[in-house]
Amino acid sequence: RIHVRRSDIEHYRQSLSARAPGKPGE
């Protein structure tokens, strides 16, 4: 079964909040 590491999820969450307001998400 496909699983994802919790550390990868936390890194992704932090990258969402680190985006600049003038720059759209990638």
PDB file of all heavy atoms in Angstrom:
ATOM      1  N   ARG A   1       0.849  -1.196   0.000  1.00  0.00           N
ATOM      2  CA  ARG A   1       0.000   0.000   0.000  1.00  0.00           C
ATOM      3  C   ARG A   1       0.880   1.240   0.000  1.00  0.00           C
ATOM      4  O   ARG A   1       1.979   1.235   0.531  1.00  0.00           O
ATOM      5  CB  ARG A   1      -0.908   0.015   1.225  1.00  0.00           C
ATOM      6  CG  ARG A   1      -1.851  -1.198   1.257  1.00  0.00           C
ATOM      7  CD  ARG A   1      -2.810  -1.133   2.380  1.00  0.00           C
ATOM      8  NE  ARG A   1      -3.759  -0.049   2.103  1.00  0.00           N
ATOM      9  CZ  ARG A   1      -4.555   0.472   3.012  1.00  0.00           C
ATOM     10  NH1 ARG A   1      -4.511   0.033   4.248  1.00  0.00           N
ATOM     11  NH2 ARG A   1      -5.392   1.429   2.695  1.00  0.00           N
ATOM     12  N   ILE A   2       0.365   2.302  -0.583  1.00  0.00           N
ATOM     13  CA  ILE A   2       1.118   3.549  -0.657  1.00  0.00           C
ATOM     14  C   ILE A   2       0.964   4.316   0.646  1.00  0.00           C
ATOM     15  O   ILE A   2      -0.154   4.573   1.095  1.00  0.00           O
ATOM     16  CB  ILE A   2       0.632   4.411  -1.840  1.00  0.00           C
ATOM     17  CG1 ILE A   2       0.872   3.677  -3.145  1.00  0.00           C
ATOM     18  CG2 ILE A   2       1.325   5.763  -1.850  1.00  0.00           C
ATOM     19  CD1 ILE A   2       0.304   4.380  -4.348  1.00  0.00           C
ATOM     20  N   HIS A   3       2.084   4.670   1.237  1.00  0.00           N
ATOM     21  CA  HIS A   3       2.135   5.495   2.443  1.00  0.00           C
ATOM     22  C   HIS A   3       3.039   6.681   2.172  1.00  0.00           C
ATOM     23  O   HIS A   3       3.794   6.695   1.202  1.00  0.00           O
ATOM     24  CB  HIS A   3       2.682   4.699   3.627  1.00  0.00           C
ATOM     25  CG  HIS A   3       1.711   3.720   4.188  1.00  0.00           C
ATOM     26  ND1 HIS A   3       1.643   3.443   5.531  1.00  0.00           N
ATOM     27  CD2 HIS A   3       0.766   2.944   3.621  1.00  0.00           C
ATOM     28  CE1 HIS A   3       0.704   2.548   5.760  1.00  0.00           C
ATOM     29  NE2 HIS A   3       0.157   2.222   4.599  1.00  0.00           N
ATOM     30  N   VAL A   4       2.980   7.677   3.047  1.00  0.00           N
ATOM     31  CA  VAL A   4       3.822   8.864   2.947  1.00  0.00           C
ATOM     32  C   VAL A   4       4.427   9.116   4.319  1.00  0.00           C
ATOM     33  O   VAL A   4       3.759   8.953   5.343  1.00  0.00           O
ATOM     34  CB  VAL A   4       2.995  10.093   2.482  1.00  0.00           C
ATOM     35  CG1 VAL A   4       3.845  11.338   2.424  1.00  0.00           C
ATOM     36  CG2 VAL A   4       2.347   9.828   1.132  1.00  0.00           C
ATOM     37  N   ARG A   5       5.688   9.538   4.346  1.00  0.00           N
ATOM     38  CA  ARG A   5       6.347   9.828   5.625  1.00  0.00           C
ATOM     39  C   ARG A   5       5.753  11.099   6.241  1.00  0.00           C
ATOM     40  O   ARG A   5       5.468  12.066   5.555  1.00  0.00           O
ATOM     41  CB  ARG A   5       7.835  10.028   5.409  1.00  0.00           C
ATOM     42  CG  ARG A   5       8.567   8.762   5.108  1.00  0.00           C
ATOM     43  CD  ARG A   5      10.084   9.041   5.058  1.00  0.00           C
ATOM     44  NE  ARG A   5      10.779   7.848   4.633  1.00  0.00           N
ATOM     45  CZ  ARG A   5      11.100   7.572   3.371  1.00  0.00           C
ATOM     46  NH1 ARG A   5      10.790   8.427   2.418  1.00  0.00           N
ATOM     47  NH2 ARG A   5      11.725   6.467   3.068  1.00  0.00           N
ATOM     48  N   ARG A   6       5.613  11.082   7.556  1.00  0.00           N
ATOM     49  CA  ARG A   6       5.101  12.265   8.262  1.00  0.00           C
ATOM     50  C   ARG A   6       6.045  13.458   8.098  1.00  0.00           C
ATOM     51  O   ARG A   6       5.600  14.592   8.004  1.00  0.00           O
ATOM     52  CB  ARG A   6       4.918  11.969   9.749  1.00  0.00           C
ATOM     53  CG  ARG A   6       3.672  11.189  10.047  1.00  0.00           C
ATOM     54  CD  ARG A   6       3.435  11.137  11.553  1.00  0.00           C
ATOM     55  NE  ARG A   6       2.291  10.304  11.840  1.00  0.00           N
ATOM     56  CZ  ARG A   6       1.050  10.762  11.925  1.00  0.00           C
ATOM     57  NH1 ARG A   6       0.814  12.022  11.753  1.00  0.00           N
ATOM     58  NH2 ARG A   6       0.055   9.938  12.170  1.00  0.00           N
ATOM     59  N   SER A   7       7.325  13.194   8.064  1.00  0.00           N
ATOM     60  CA  SER A   7       8.280  14.297   7.902  1.00  0.00           C
ATOM     61  C   SER A   7       8.084  14.997   6.549  1.00  0.00           C
ATOM     62  O   SER A   7       8.197  16.225   6.466  1.00  0.00           O
ATOM     63  CB  SER A   7       9.713  13.782   8.040  1.00  0.00           C
ATOM     64  OG  SER A   7       9.973  12.787   7.059  1.00  0.00           O
ATOM     65  N   ASP A   8       7.769  14.228   5.494  1.00  0.00           N
ATOM     66  CA  ASP A   8       7.505  14.842   4.183  1.00  0.00           C
ATOM     67  C   ASP A   8       6.247  15.713   4.229  1.00  0.00           C
ATOM     68  O   ASP A   8       6.208  16.780   3.612  1.00  0.00           O
ATOM     69  CB  ASP A   8       7.342  13.764   3.103  1.00  0.00           C
ATOM     70  CG  ASP A   8       8.643  13.038   2.804  1.00  0.00           C
ATOM     71  OD1 ASP A   8       9.722  13.544   3.204  1.00  0.00           O
ATOM     72  OD2 ASP A   8       8.580  11.956   2.185  1.00  0.00           O
ATOM     73  N   ILE A   9       5.251  15.264   4.970  1.00  0.00           N
ATOM     74  CA  ILE A   9       4.011  16.046   5.084  1.00  0.00           C
ATOM     75  C   ILE A   9       4.290  17.359   5.810  1.00  0.00           C
ATOM     76  O   ILE A   9       3.826  18.421   5.398  1.00  0.00           O
ATOM     77  CB  ILE A   9       2.923  15.234   5.822  1.00  0.00           C
ATOM     78  CG1 ILE A   9       2.565  13.979   5.027  1.00  0.00           C
ATOM     79  CG2 ILE A   9       1.688  16.076   6.069  1.00  0.00           C
ATOM     80  CD1 ILE A   9       1.731  12.995   5.792  1.00  0.00           C
ATOM     81  N   GLU A  10       5.083  17.312   6.882  1.00  0.00           N
ATOM     82  CA  GLU A  10       5.414  18.528   7.626  1.00  0.00           C
ATOM     83  C   GLU A  10       6.234  19.493   6.784  1.00  0.00           C
ATOM     84  O   GLU A  10       6.021  20.704   6.829  1.00  0.00           O
ATOM     85  CB  GLU A  10       6.141  18.185   8.931  1.00  0.00           C
ATOM     86  CG  GLU A  10       5.259  17.510   9.952  1.00  0.00           C
ATOM     87  CD  GLU A  10       3.999  18.310  10.265  1.00  0.00           C
ATOM     88  OE1 GLU A  10       4.091  19.536  10.453  1.00  0.00           O
ATOM     89  OE2 GLU A  10       2.922  17.703  10.315  1.00  0.00           O
ATOM     90  N   HIS A  11       7.188  18.970   5.980  1.00  0.00           N
ATOM     91  CA  HIS A  11       7.967  19.839   5.092  1.00  0.00           C
ATOM     92  C   HIS A  11       7.050  20.512   4.072  1.00  0.00           C
ATOM     93  O   HIS A  11       7.210  21.699   3.768  1.00  0.00           O
ATOM     94  CB  HIS A  11       9.070  19.048   4.389  1.00  0.00           C
ATOM     95  CG  HIS A  11      10.192  18.649   5.289  1.00  0.00           C
ATOM     96  ND1 HIS A  11      11.010  19.555   5.912  1.00  0.00           N
ATOM     97  CD2 HIS A  11      10.619  17.428   5.682  1.00  0.00           C
ATOM     98  CE1 HIS A  11      11.905  18.910   6.651  1.00  0.00           C
ATOM     99  NE2 HIS A  11      11.671  17.613   6.533  1.00  0.00           N
ATOM    100  N   TYR A  12       6.100  19.762   3.540  1.00  0.00           N
ATOM    101  CA  TYR A  12       5.163  20.328   2.566  1.00  0.00           C
ATOM    102  C   TYR A  12       4.297  21.409   3.224  1.00  0.00           C
ATOM    103  O   TYR A  12       4.091  22.471   2.650  1.00  0.00           O
ATOM    104  CB  TYR A  12       4.288  19.229   1.959  1.00  0.00           C
ATOM    105  CG  TYR A  12       3.247  19.753   1.005  1.00  0.00           C
ATOM    106  CD1 TYR A  12       3.607  20.329  -0.201  1.00  0.00           C
ATOM    107  CD2 TYR A  12       1.894  19.696   1.326  1.00  0.00           C
ATOM    108  CE1 TYR A  12       2.660  20.834  -1.075  1.00  0.00           C
ATOM    109  CE2 TYR A  12       0.941  20.190   0.465  1.00  0.00           C
ATOM    110  CZ  TYR A  12       1.327  20.752  -0.726  1.00  0.00           C
ATOM    111  OH  TYR A  12       0.385  21.256  -1.587  1.00  0.00           O
ATOM    112  N   ARG A  13       3.834  21.159   4.426  1.00  0.00           N
ATOM    113  CA  ARG A  13       3.029  22.164   5.141  1.00  0.00           C
ATOM    114  C   ARG A  13       3.822  23.451   5.362  1.00  0.00           C
ATOM    115  O   ARG A  13       3.299  24.547   5.210  1.00  0.00           O
ATOM    116  CB  ARG A  13       2.590  21.621   6.500  1.00  0.00           C
ATOM    117  CG  ARG A  13       1.350  20.837   6.486  1.00  0.00           C
ATOM    118  CD  ARG A  13       1.033  20.486   7.916  1.00  0.00           C
ATOM    119  NE  ARG A  13      -0.333  20.037   8.043  1.00  0.00           N
ATOM    120  CZ  ARG A  13      -0.815  19.476   9.129  1.00  0.00           C
ATOM    121  NH1 ARG A  13      -0.038  19.324  10.186  1.00  0.00           N
ATOM    122  NH2 ARG A  13      -2.057  19.086   9.182  1.00  0.00           N
ATOM    123  N   GLN A  14       5.079  23.314   5.762  1.00  0.00           N
ATOM    124  CA  GLN A  14       5.912  24.491   5.998  1.00  0.00           C
ATOM    125  C   GLN A  14       6.175  25.248   4.699  1.00  0.00           C
ATOM    126  O   GLN A  14       6.253  26.471   4.702  1.00  0.00           O
ATOM    127  CB  GLN A  14       7.222  24.092   6.663  1.00  0.00           C
ATOM    128  CG  GLN A  14       7.030  23.628   8.089  1.00  0.00           C
ATOM    129  CD  GLN A  14       8.298  23.059   8.696  1.00  0.00           C
ATOM    130  OE1 GLN A  14       9.331  22.985   8.033  1.00  0.00           O
ATOM    131  NE2 GLN A  14       8.215  22.652   9.954  1.00  0.00           N
ATOM    132  N   SER A  15       6.295  24.529   3.595  1.00  0.00           N
ATOM    133  CA  SER A  15       6.530  25.207   2.321  1.00  0.00           C
ATOM    134  C   SER A  15       5.304  25.996   1.886  1.00  0.00           C
ATOM    135  O   SER A  15       5.419  27.001   1.191  1.00  0.00           O
ATOM    136  CB  SER A  15       6.923  24.203   1.232  1.00  0.00           C
ATOM    137  OG  SER A  15       5.802  23.425   0.850  1.00  0.00           O
ATOM    138  N   LEU A  16       4.122  25.565   2.295  1.00  0.00           N
ATOM    139  CA  LEU A  16       2.901  26.299   1.946  1.00  0.00           C
ATOM    140  C   LEU A  16       2.861  27.647   2.647  1.00  0.00           C
ATOM    141  O   LEU A  16       2.474  28.651   2.057  1.00  0.00           O
ATOM    142  CB  LEU A  16       1.654  25.495   2.326  1.00  0.00           C
ATOM    143  CG  LEU A  16       1.390  24.240   1.532  1.00  0.00           C
ATOM    144  CD1 LEU A  16       0.183  23.512   2.107  1.00  0.00           C
ATOM    145  CD2 LEU A  16       1.176  24.553   0.067  1.00  0.00           C
ATOM    146  N   SER A  17       3.270  27.681   3.907  1.00  0.00           N
ATOM    147  CA  SER A  17       3.216  28.940   4.647  1.00  0.00           C
ATOM    148  C   SER A  17       4.388  29.856   4.327  1.00  0.00           C
ATOM    149  O   SER A  17       4.343  31.038   4.609  1.00  0.00           O
ATOM    150  CB  SER A  17       3.175  28.659   6.148  1.00  0.00           C
ATOM    151  OG  SER A  17       4.357  27.985   6.535  1.00  0.00           O
ATOM    152  N   ALA A  18       5.460  29.332   3.695  1.00  0.00           N
ATOM    153  CA  ALA A  18       6.644  30.133   3.399  1.00  0.00           C
ATOM    154  C   ALA A  18       6.530  30.874   2.065  1.00  0.00           C
ATOM    155  O   ALA A  18       7.417  31.629   1.722  1.00  0.00           O
ATOM    156  CB  ALA A  18       7.877  29.247   3.378  1.00  0.00           C
ATOM    157  N   ARG A  19       5.469  30.674   1.316  1.00  0.00           N
ATOM    158  CA  ARG A  19       5.323  31.340   0.019  1.00  0.00           C
ATOM    159  C   ARG A  19       5.111  32.827   0.196  1.00  0.00           C
ATOM    160  O   ARG A  19       4.452  33.278   1.127  1.00  0.00           O
ATOM    161  CB  ARG A  19       4.160  30.736  -0.752  1.00  0.00           C
ATOM    162  CG  ARG A  19       4.445  29.317  -1.174  1.00  0.00           C
ATOM    163  CD  ARG A  19       3.344  28.773  -2.020  1.00  0.00           C
ATOM    164  NE  ARG A  19       3.693  27.435  -2.455  1.00  0.00           N
ATOM    165  CZ  ARG A  19       2.849  26.530  -2.803  1.00  0.00           C
ATOM    166  NH1 ARG A  19       1.563  26.781  -2.794  1.00  0.00           N
ATOM    167  NH2 ARG A  19       3.257  25.353  -3.186  1.00  0.00           N
ATOM    168  N   ALA A  20       5.655  33.585  -0.731  1.00  0.00           N
ATOM    169  CA  ALA A  20       5.494  35.038  -0.704  1.00  0.00           C
ATOM    170  C   ALA A  20       4.113  35.412  -1.223  1.00  0.00           C
ATOM    171  O   ALA A  20       3.583  34.731  -2.111  1.00  0.00           O
ATOM    172  CB  ALA A  20       6.570  35.689  -1.560  1.00  0.00           C
ATOM    173  N   PRO A  21       3.501  36.487  -0.683  1.00  0.00           N
ATOM    174  CA  PRO A  21       2.153  36.830  -1.095  1.00  0.00           C
ATOM    175  C   PRO A  21       2.057  37.225  -2.578  1.00  0.00           C
ATOM    176  O   PRO A  21       1.050  37.010  -3.220  1.00  0.00           O
ATOM    177  CB  PRO A  21       1.767  38.011  -0.200  1.00  0.00           C
ATOM    178  CG  PRO A  21       2.993  38.406   0.519  1.00  0.00           C
ATOM    179  CD  PRO A  21       4.006  37.338   0.361  1.00  0.00           C
ATOM    180  N   GLY A  22       3.111  37.793  -3.172  1.00  0.00           N
ATOM    181  CA  GLY A  22       3.047  38.197  -4.575  1.00  0.00           C
ATOM    182  C   GLY A  22       3.355  37.074  -5.543  1.00  0.00           C
ATOM    183  O   GLY A  22       3.145  37.200  -6.743  1.00  0.00           O
ATOM    184  N   LYS A  23       3.864  35.959  -5.027  1.00  0.00           N
ATOM    185  CA  LYS A  23       4.264  34.855  -5.891  1.00  0.00           C
ATOM    186  C   LYS A  23       3.221  33.728  -5.803  1.00  0.00           C
ATOM    187  O   LYS A  23       2.939  33.227  -4.726  1.00  0.00           O
ATOM    188  CB  LYS A  23       5.620  34.321  -5.438  1.00  0.00           C
ATOM    189  CG  LYS A  23       6.166  33.214  -6.282  1.00  0.00           C
ATOM    190  CD  LYS A  23       7.514  32.755  -5.740  1.00  0.00           C
ATOM    191  CE  LYS A  23       7.996  31.534  -6.482  1.00  0.00           C
ATOM    192  NZ  LYS A  23       9.205  31.004  -5.889  1.00  0.00           N
ATOM    193  N   PRO A  24       2.658  33.333  -6.926  1.00  0.00           N
ATOM    194  CA  PRO A  24       1.657  32.256  -6.857  1.00  0.00           C
ATOM    195  C   PRO A  24       2.320  30.919  -6.520  1.00  0.00           C
ATOM    196  O   PRO A  24       3.516  30.748  -6.703  1.00  0.00           O
ATOM    197  CB  PRO A  24       1.061  32.229  -8.271  1.00  0.00           C
ATOM    198  CG  PRO A  24       2.089  32.864  -9.133  1.00  0.00           C
ATOM    199  CD  PRO A  24       2.842  33.828  -8.267  1.00  0.00           C
ATOM    200  N   GLY A  25       1.522  29.985  -6.030  1.00  0.00           N
ATOM    201  CA  GLY A  25       2.026  28.674  -5.682  1.00  0.00           C
ATOM    202  C   GLY A  25       2.493  27.909  -6.901  1.00  0.00           C
ATOM    203  O   GLY A  25       2.081  28.158  -8.023  1.00  0.00           O
ATOM    204  N   GLU A  26       3.409  26.999  -6.699  1.00  0.00           N
ATOM    205  CA  GLU A  26       3.958  26.217  -7.817  1.00  0.00           C
ATOM    206  C   GLU A  26       3.368  24.851  -7.846  1.00  0.00           C
ATOM    207  O   GLU A  26       3.044  24.273  -6.889  1.00  0.00           O
ATOM    208  CB  GLU A  26       5.475  26.146  -7.667  1.00  0.00           C
ATOM    209  CG  GLU A  26       6.100  27.512  -7.756  1.00  0.00           C
ATOM    210  CD  GLU A  26       7.579  27.461  -7.425  1.00  0.00           C
ATOM    211  OE1 GLU A  26       8.033  26.540  -6.742  1.00  0.00           O
ATOM    212  OE2 GLU A  26       8.276  28.362  -7.859  1.00  0.00           O
TER     213      GLU A  26
END
